[in-house]
C-alpha cells in the first residue's frame, strides 16, 4: 500500500529545504551526504533526532493499521518537517479512520498525472498545486492568496528542530552548507540562520490556471482560481507579500488599489551605473514602472555593510530614472504609518489616495487581521472563524523499528 501525504502535511514538506531532507533521511552511505558532513557528526545528529522522537513517539494505531503506522514512523525523510497528525489522502469515506498519528483527507476525484511526487518507497506527497487546492478549499480568499504567493514566490519559511538547526548553523559557519535545488538560507546581521529560505518558485501561475481548468477535481478549484488571479508572483519574503497585498489589492478586497506592480523586477544597469552599484543588475521588491518600493525587515537588512549597499543601489536606480522608496515592517504593520506610506506611493504614481466607504474600511481591517498572523501557522486557520488546528509542540520524529 502506498501512502499519499497531502494538505497541511504536504505544505510542510514542500517548505523543507532539500539539504534538510538529505541530512535527516538519506542513507548514510549517500555520496553527497558523506561529502557534506562527517559520519560521526551525522551519527550524533540522528541519535539526537531519535531521542527527540522517543519523547514524542506515538502508539501504533489499530484503527488505522499497524502497517501504515510503521511506514510513517520508519520514514526518516519526514522527520524534519511534518507535524502530528500526518494528513493522508484517501479516496473513499470507508478509509476515513483518524488516529493520533494520521488525519485522513477525503479526495474522491481521480488524481491527474503529476498530482503526486515520490518521497520514498511506499510514500508519495501531493504536488504543490494539488496541495494548494486542498488548502484553498477551506481557506479565506486572503489566506489562499497568501499561500499562493508563497508557492508562486521565491521564499519558504522553515523552522528546523533544534538538532538540525545546530548542524545547519555549523555548516553555514564553515561555508559548507550545500545549496541543493537552488535553496539558500537568509542570515541575520550576526550571520545566524533565520526561518527564511530563498528558492526557485514551486508554481507558475499560467500553468497552474491551465491545469486547474483541465482538472476534474472541483473542490477548492474556484477559490484557488480566484486567488491565483489576485496573486503577484516572485515575492521573496512574507513582508513583500503583505506589502503587495495591502497596496495592490482592489479597495473592495481591503487594499489600496495600486495595481499593476511586479515583484522582484530585474533592472539591467548601464555600464556607467554599474560602477556605482558594483553589480550589473538590480531587483526591485515592488516595481511600478518607474517606482521601486523596497521592503526592509530589520532581521535581514541591518548593519553598516547592508546600509551602504542599499544606498549604492538606490543611487544606481535613480540614475536609471527609477525612484526608490523604502518601507519597513513597522510602517506596514501600523495602520497610521501605513496611511502615510499609501499617500507617498499615490503621489509617486500620480494617483489619488482611495477614499474608502465604510464597507471598504471594514474589509481593510479584516485584511490586516489575516495578513499579520504568524506565517508559519498560516495554513492552520480554517475558513470559518479562522480557528487554528491543534499542532504538536515538536515535529514528528519517526523512530527506527
Protein backbone atom coordinates (compact mmCIF):
# COMPACT_ATOMS: atom_id res chain seq x y z
CA UNK A 1 0.00 0.00 0.00
CA UNK A 2 1.30 3.46 -0.93
CA UNK A 3 0.50 6.39 1.33
CA UNK A 4 -0.01 9.91 -0.03
CA UNK A 5 0.87 12.81 2.25
CA UNK A 6 -1.36 15.78 1.48
CA UNK A 7 -2.87 19.05 2.69
CA UNK A 8 -1.06 20.81 5.57
CA UNK A 9 1.48 18.00 5.91
CA UNK A 10 2.33 18.29 2.21
CA UNK A 11 2.81 22.06 2.53
CA UNK A 12 5.21 21.48 5.44
CA UNK A 13 7.08 19.00 3.28
CA UNK A 14 7.39 21.49 0.39
CA UNK A 15 8.59 24.14 2.84
CA UNK A 16 11.52 21.95 3.88
CA UNK A 17 14.90 22.69 2.23
CA UNK A 18 16.34 19.75 0.25
CA UNK A 19 19.54 19.86 2.29
CA UNK A 20 17.47 19.20 5.40
CA UNK A 21 15.80 16.20 3.79
CA UNK A 22 19.26 14.96 2.85
CA UNK A 23 20.64 15.31 6.38
CA UNK A 24 17.60 13.79 8.06
CA UNK A 25 16.70 10.99 5.69
CA UNK A 26 19.30 9.99 3.13
CA UNK A 27 21.13 6.66 3.56
CA UNK A 28 24.35 7.09 5.48
CA UNK A 29 26.42 5.88 2.53
CA UNK A 30 24.95 8.54 0.19
CA UNK A 31 27.89 10.19 -1.59
CA UNK A 32 26.58 13.76 -1.39
CA UNK A 33 25.72 13.34 2.27
CA UNK A 34 29.18 11.99 3.11
CA UNK A 35 30.81 14.93 1.31
CA UNK A 36 28.73 17.36 3.35
CA UNK A 37 29.08 16.06 6.91
CA UNK A 38 31.44 13.68 8.69
CA UNK A 39 29.95 10.27 9.63
CA UNK A 40 30.49 10.92 13.35
CA UNK A 41 28.63 14.26 13.20
CA UNK A 42 25.82 12.71 11.16
CA UNK A 43 25.54 9.87 13.66
CA UNK A 44 25.27 12.36 16.52
CA UNK A 45 22.55 14.30 14.67
CA UNK A 46 20.45 11.23 14.01
CA UNK A 47 20.89 9.98 17.57
CA UNK A 48 19.58 13.33 18.83
CA UNK A 49 16.64 13.14 16.43
CA UNK A 50 15.84 9.62 17.57
CA UNK A 51 15.96 10.74 21.21
CA UNK A 52 13.54 13.53 20.42
CA UNK A 53 11.39 11.05 18.56
CA UNK A 54 11.32 8.74 21.55
CA UNK A 55 9.96 11.53 23.74
CA UNK A 56 7.19 12.23 21.24
CA UNK A 57 6.66 8.68 19.97
CA UNK A 58 3.10 7.54 19.35
CA UNK A 59 1.39 4.20 19.91
CA UNK A 60 0.70 2.15 16.82
CA UNK A 61 -2.87 2.66 15.76
CA UNK A 62 -5.00 -0.43 15.41
CA UNK A 63 -7.73 1.75 13.89
CA UNK A 64 -5.50 2.95 11.11
CA UNK A 65 -3.40 -0.19 10.75
CA UNK A 66 -0.01 -1.21 12.07
CA UNK A 67 1.44 -1.26 8.55
CA UNK A 68 0.59 2.41 7.99
CA UNK A 69 1.88 3.45 11.40
CA UNK A 70 5.10 1.52 10.88
CA UNK A 71 5.72 3.06 7.45
CA UNK A 72 5.27 6.58 8.79
CA UNK A 73 7.36 6.01 11.88
CA UNK A 74 10.25 4.47 9.98
CA UNK A 75 10.38 7.13 7.27
CA UNK A 76 13.16 9.45 8.33
CA UNK A 77 12.76 11.73 5.32
CA UNK A 78 9.76 13.28 7.07
CA UNK A 79 11.38 13.59 10.46
CA UNK A 80 12.46 17.16 9.83
CA UNK A 81 9.24 18.70 8.63
CA UNK A 82 5.87 17.07 9.24
CA UNK A 83 3.81 17.50 12.41
CA UNK A 84 1.35 15.13 14.06
CA UNK A 85 -1.19 14.08 12.87
CA UNK A 86 0.05 13.40 9.34
CA UNK A 87 -2.51 14.31 6.66
CA UNK A 88 -3.07 11.34 4.34
CA UNK A 89 -5.09 11.30 1.13
CA UNK A 90 -7.91 8.76 0.98
CA UNK A 91 -10.32 8.16 -1.90
CA UNK A 92 -13.27 6.64 -0.04
CA UNK A 93 -15.22 7.54 3.11
CA UNK A 94 -14.59 3.97 4.29
CA UNK A 95 -10.90 4.82 4.61
CA UNK A 96 -11.52 7.74 6.94
CA UNK A 97 -10.08 6.24 10.11
CA UNK A 98 -8.39 9.03 12.03
CA UNK A 99 -5.87 8.31 14.75
CA UNK A 100 -3.37 10.19 16.87
CA UNK A 101 -0.84 9.57 14.10
CA UNK A 102 -2.89 10.07 10.90
CA UNK A 103 -5.55 12.51 9.73
CA UNK A 104 -7.34 11.20 6.61
CA UNK A 105 -8.33 13.78 3.98
CA UNK A 106 -11.02 12.59 1.59
CA UNK A 107 -10.32 13.31 -2.09
CA UNK A 108 -12.62 11.27 -4.30
CA UNK A 109 -11.69 12.90 -7.64
CA UNK A 110 -9.23 10.99 -9.86
CA UNK A 111 -5.64 12.13 -9.47
CA UNK A 112 -4.33 13.71 -12.65
CA UNK A 113 -0.87 12.92 -13.98
CA UNK A 114 1.74 14.82 -11.97
CA UNK A 115 -0.52 15.26 -8.94
CA UNK A 116 1.89 13.37 -6.69
CA UNK A 117 5.65 13.10 -6.24
CA UNK A 118 7.54 10.18 -4.74
CA UNK A 119 9.19 10.70 -1.38
CA UNK A 120 10.46 7.17 -0.80
CA UNK A 121 9.32 3.58 -1.44
CA UNK A 122 5.69 3.34 -0.38
CA UNK A 123 5.30 7.07 0.28
CA UNK A 124 4.12 9.90 -2.02
CA UNK A 125 3.32 13.58 -1.48
CA UNK A 126 0.77 15.70 -3.34
CA UNK A 127 2.17 18.20 -5.84
CA UNK A 128 2.38 21.88 -4.83
CA UNK A 129 -0.70 22.65 -6.95
CA UNK A 130 -2.88 19.90 -5.50
CA UNK A 131 -1.66 20.78 -2.02
CA UNK A 132 -2.66 24.40 -2.59
CA UNK A 133 -6.06 23.39 -3.95
CA UNK A 134 -6.77 21.31 -0.85
CA UNK A 135 -5.80 24.18 1.43
CA UNK A 136 -7.80 26.71 -0.60
CA UNK A 137 -10.94 24.62 -0.19
CA UNK A 138 -11.24 25.69 3.45
CA UNK A 139 -9.27 28.96 3.43
CA UNK A 140 -10.49 32.50 3.14
CA UNK A 141 -9.64 34.19 -0.13
CA UNK A 142 -6.98 36.30 1.63
CA UNK A 143 -5.21 33.27 3.03
CA UNK A 144 -5.46 31.46 -0.29
CA UNK A 145 -3.70 34.42 -1.94
CA UNK A 146 -1.02 34.39 0.77
CA UNK A 147 -0.37 30.67 0.32
CA UNK A 148 -0.37 31.03 -3.46
CA UNK A 149 2.07 33.92 -3.14
CA UNK A 150 4.42 31.68 -1.18
CA UNK A 151 4.35 28.78 -3.62
CA UNK A 152 4.50 31.12 -6.64
CA UNK A 153 7.17 33.17 -4.90
CA UNK A 154 10.82 32.53 -4.19
CA UNK A 155 10.80 32.00 -0.43
CA UNK A 156 9.99 29.39 2.16
CA UNK A 157 9.51 29.65 5.92
CA UNK A 158 11.07 26.69 7.73
CA UNK A 159 11.95 26.16 11.38
CA UNK A 160 14.08 23.02 11.93
CA UNK A 161 14.12 21.00 15.14
CA UNK A 162 17.00 22.06 17.40
CA UNK A 163 19.49 19.28 16.48
CA UNK A 164 19.13 20.08 12.78
CA UNK A 165 19.31 23.82 13.45
CA UNK A 166 22.61 23.35 15.26
CA UNK A 167 24.13 21.34 12.41
CA UNK A 168 22.87 23.72 9.74
CA UNK A 169 24.46 26.63 11.62
CA UNK A 170 27.77 24.72 11.89
CA UNK A 171 27.77 24.05 8.15
CA UNK A 172 26.88 27.68 7.44
CA UNK A 173 29.70 28.96 9.67
CA UNK A 174 32.17 26.68 7.89
CA UNK A 175 30.93 27.68 4.43
CA UNK A 176 29.84 24.12 3.66
CA UNK A 177 26.05 24.47 3.67
CA UNK A 178 25.02 22.81 0.41
CA UNK A 179 22.61 24.90 -1.67
CA UNK A 180 20.70 21.95 -3.09
CA UNK A 181 17.99 22.73 -5.62
CA UNK A 182 18.75 26.45 -5.54
CA UNK A 183 17.69 26.83 -1.89
CA UNK A 184 19.65 29.43 0.09
CA UNK A 185 19.17 30.43 3.76
CA UNK A 186 18.65 34.05 4.80
CA UNK A 187 21.02 35.15 7.56
CA UNK A 188 20.58 37.90 10.12
CA UNK A 189 23.13 40.66 10.73
CA UNK A 190 25.11 38.31 13.00
CA UNK A 191 25.36 35.54 10.43
CA UNK A 192 22.76 33.38 12.20
CA UNK A 193 20.25 31.32 10.27
CA UNK A 194 16.69 32.62 10.23
CA UNK A 195 13.49 30.79 9.33
CA UNK A 196 13.51 32.31 5.82
CA UNK A 197 14.97 30.47 2.80
CA UNK A 198 15.06 31.57 -0.82
CA UNK A 199 14.36 29.02 -3.53
CA UNK A 200 13.02 28.72 -7.08
CA UNK A 201 9.25 29.12 -7.41
CA UNK A 202 7.29 25.89 -6.94
CA UNK A 203 4.36 27.01 -9.12
CA UNK A 204 3.90 29.11 -12.24
CA UNK A 205 0.54 30.89 -12.35
CA UNK A 206 -0.30 30.40 -16.08
CA UNK A 207 0.41 26.66 -15.91
CA UNK A 208 -1.45 26.32 -12.61
CA UNK A 209 -4.54 28.02 -14.06
CA UNK A 210 -4.39 25.78 -17.12
CA UNK A 211 -4.07 22.62 -15.03
CA UNK A 212 -6.96 23.70 -12.78
CA UNK A 213 -9.20 24.36 -15.78
CA UNK A 214 -8.50 20.85 -17.09
CA UNK A 215 -8.88 19.16 -13.72
CA UNK A 216 -11.91 17.09 -12.80
CA UNK A 217 -11.47 17.94 -9.09
CA UNK A 218 -13.88 20.75 -8.27
CA UNK A 219 -13.30 21.06 -4.52
CA UNK A 220 -11.33 24.23 -3.85
CA UNK A 221 -10.85 24.92 -7.56
CA UNK A 222 -12.98 28.06 -7.89
CA UNK A 223 -11.44 29.69 -4.82
CA UNK A 224 -7.91 28.84 -5.94
CA UNK A 225 -8.50 30.20 -9.44
CA UNK A 226 -9.80 33.42 -7.89
CA UNK A 227 -6.79 33.57 -5.57
CA UNK A 228 -4.27 32.94 -8.35
CA UNK A 229 -5.75 35.79 -10.39
CA UNK A 230 -5.03 38.11 -7.44
CA UNK A 231 -1.55 36.71 -6.81
CA UNK A 232 1.57 38.60 -7.90
CA UNK A 233 4.34 36.03 -8.43
CA UNK A 234 8.04 36.17 -7.48
CA UNK A 235 7.64 37.66 -3.98
CA UNK A 236 10.81 36.96 -1.99
CA UNK A 237 9.53 37.25 1.59
CA UNK A 238 6.36 37.37 3.69
CA UNK A 239 6.86 41.14 4.12
CA UNK A 240 6.81 41.62 0.34
CA UNK A 241 3.59 39.60 0.10
CA UNK A 242 1.91 41.58 2.87
CA UNK A 243 3.06 44.91 1.44
CA UNK A 244 1.96 43.95 -2.05
CA UNK A 245 -1.47 42.80 -0.93
CA UNK A 246 -2.13 45.89 1.19
CA UNK A 247 -1.04 48.23 -1.59
CA UNK A 248 -2.15 46.30 -4.65
CA UNK A 249 -5.43 44.54 -3.89
CA UNK A 250 -8.55 46.41 -5.04
CA UNK A 251 -10.35 48.50 -2.44
CA UNK A 252 -13.27 46.07 -2.46
CA UNK A 253 -10.80 43.48 -1.11
CA UNK A 254 -9.35 45.84 1.50
CA UNK A 255 -6.29 47.02 -0.44
CA UNK A 256 -5.28 50.45 -1.76
CA UNK A 257 -5.78 49.60 -5.42
CA UNK A 258 -2.27 50.47 -6.63
CA UNK A 259 -2.22 47.55 -9.01
CA UNK A 260 -0.03 46.64 -11.99
CA UNK A 261 3.16 46.23 -9.98
CA UNK A 262 5.52 43.27 -10.16
CA UNK A 263 7.70 41.62 -7.55
CA UNK A 264 11.47 41.49 -7.97
CA UNK A 265 11.71 43.03 -11.40
CA UNK A 266 15.28 42.75 -12.74
CA UNK A 267 16.74 46.04 -13.92
CA UNK A 268 19.82 45.79 -16.15
CA UNK A 269 22.16 48.68 -15.31
CA UNK A 270 24.06 50.74 -17.85
CA UNK A 271 27.87 50.38 -17.88
CA UNK A 272 28.34 53.75 -16.13
CA UNK A 273 25.84 52.95 -13.40
CA UNK A 274 27.39 49.55 -12.74
CA UNK A 275 30.44 51.29 -11.31
CA UNK A 276 28.28 52.87 -8.62
CA UNK A 277 26.22 49.81 -7.77
CA UNK A 278 29.12 47.36 -8.13
CA UNK A 279 26.78 44.97 -9.92
CA UNK A 280 25.33 44.53 -13.39
CA UNK A 281 21.66 44.46 -12.39
CA UNK A 282 19.28 45.15 -9.51
CA UNK A 283 16.00 43.64 -8.40
CA UNK A 284 13.09 45.81 -7.24
CA UNK A 285 10.87 44.41 -4.48
CA UNK A 286 7.64 46.11 -5.66
CA UNK A 287 8.02 47.80 -9.03
CA UNK A 288 5.55 50.13 -10.76
CA UNK A 289 7.42 51.03 -13.94
CA UNK A 290 9.33 54.00 -12.50
CA UNK A 291 8.88 53.41 -8.77
CA UNK A 292 10.72 50.82 -6.69
CA UNK A 293 9.41 50.20 -3.18
CA UNK A 294 11.94 48.28 -1.11
CA UNK A 295 10.60 46.22 1.80
CA UNK A 296 13.09 46.22 4.64
CA UNK A 297 12.92 43.78 7.51
CA UNK A 298 15.18 44.56 10.47
CA UNK A 299 16.13 40.89 10.58
CA UNK A 300 17.69 40.86 7.13
CA UNK A 301 18.62 44.49 6.36
CA UNK A 302 20.69 45.54 9.35
CA UNK A 303 24.27 46.58 9.74
CA UNK A 304 26.67 49.06 8.17
CA UNK A 305 27.53 46.93 5.12
CA UNK A 306 23.88 46.40 4.19
CA UNK A 307 23.10 50.11 4.59
CA UNK A 308 25.97 51.14 2.31
CA UNK A 309 24.96 48.56 -0.27
CA UNK A 310 21.36 49.77 -0.21
CA UNK A 311 22.50 53.37 -0.65
CA UNK A 312 24.67 52.49 -3.64
CA UNK A 313 21.85 50.50 -5.14
CA UNK A 314 19.32 53.32 -4.68
CA UNK A 315 21.70 55.84 -6.30
CA UNK A 316 22.20 53.50 -9.23
CA UNK A 317 18.48 53.00 -9.81
CA UNK A 318 17.76 56.71 -9.57
CA UNK A 319 20.41 57.34 -12.23
CA UNK A 320 18.41 54.87 -14.36
CA UNK A 321 15.33 57.08 -13.87
CA UNK A 322 13.72 54.92 -11.17
CA UNK A 323 12.60 56.46 -7.88
CA UNK A 324 13.40 54.34 -4.82
CA UNK A 325 11.39 54.43 -1.60
CA UNK A 326 11.66 52.21 1.44
CA UNK A 327 9.02 50.51 3.58
CA UNK A 328 9.81 48.90 6.93
CA UNK A 329 7.91 46.23 8.80
CA UNK A 330 6.79 48.88 11.29
CA UNK A 331 5.32 51.03 8.53
CA UNK A 332 3.39 48.11 7.13
CA UNK A 333 2.06 46.86 10.47
CA UNK A 334 0.92 50.23 11.84
CA UNK A 335 -2.32 51.44 10.17
CA UNK A 336 -1.40 55.08 10.85
CA UNK A 337 2.12 54.79 9.41
CA UNK A 338 0.82 52.73 6.51
CA UNK A 339 -1.64 55.51 5.65
CA UNK A 340 1.34 57.86 5.24
CA UNK A 341 3.08 55.27 3.06
CA UNK A 342 -0.06 54.94 0.93
CA UNK A 343 -0.09 58.71 0.38
CA UNK A 344 3.58 58.57 -0.64
CA UNK A 345 3.01 55.76 -3.14
CA UNK A 346 -0.06 57.51 -4.58
CA UNK A 347 1.92 60.73 -5.01
CA UNK A 348 4.80 58.94 -6.77
CA UNK A 349 2.37 57.12 -9.07
CA UNK A 350 0.38 60.28 -9.80
CA UNK A 351 -2.80 58.76 -8.39
CA UNK A 352 -5.39 59.82 -5.85
CA UNK A 353 -5.41 58.16 -2.45
CA UNK A 354 -8.57 56.00 -2.43
CA UNK A 355 -11.49 57.30 -0.39
CA UNK A 356 -12.93 54.18 1.13
CA UNK A 357 -16.53 53.56 2.07
CA UNK A 358 -17.41 52.15 5.48
CA UNK A 359 -17.61 48.67 3.94
CA UNK A 360 -14.21 49.05 2.27
CA UNK A 361 -12.68 50.26 5.54
CA UNK A 362 -14.08 47.17 7.27
CA UNK A 363 -12.59 45.00 4.55
CA UNK A 364 -9.22 46.68 5.15
CA UNK A 365 -9.40 45.83 8.85
CA UNK A 366 -10.29 42.23 8.02
CA UNK A 367 -7.44 42.05 5.50
CA UNK A 368 -4.94 43.31 8.06
CA UNK A 369 -6.18 40.84 10.68
CA UNK A 370 -5.46 37.96 8.33
CA UNK A 371 -2.23 39.27 6.86
CA UNK A 372 -0.39 39.62 10.14
CA UNK A 373 -0.85 36.14 11.51
CA UNK A 374 2.28 34.05 12.01
CA UNK A 375 3.36 32.92 8.54
CA UNK A 376 4.40 29.51 9.85
CA UNK A 377 0.85 28.98 11.15
CA UNK A 378 -0.83 30.38 8.04
CA UNK A 379 -2.30 27.08 6.73
CA UNK A 380 -3.61 26.09 10.17
CA UNK A 381 -6.56 28.50 10.11
CA UNK A 382 -9.93 27.36 8.90
CA UNK A 383 -12.13 29.29 6.51
CA UNK A 384 -14.89 29.99 9.01
CA UNK A 385 -13.86 31.75 12.19
CA UNK A 386 -10.15 31.25 11.36
CA UNK A 387 -9.90 28.72 14.17
CA UNK A 388 -6.49 27.12 14.48
CA UNK A 389 -6.00 23.40 14.17
CA UNK A 390 -4.18 21.81 17.10
CA UNK A 391 -0.48 21.36 16.36
CA UNK A 392 2.03 19.46 18.46
CA UNK A 393 4.82 21.46 20.01
CA UNK A 394 7.52 19.40 18.30
CA UNK A 395 7.97 17.87 14.86
CA UNK A 396 7.06 14.24 14.37
CA UNK A 397 10.37 12.41 14.56
CA UNK A 398 9.93 8.95 13.16
CA UNK A 399 11.86 6.29 15.04
CA UNK A 400 13.57 3.22 13.69
CA UNK A 401 11.85 -0.09 14.28
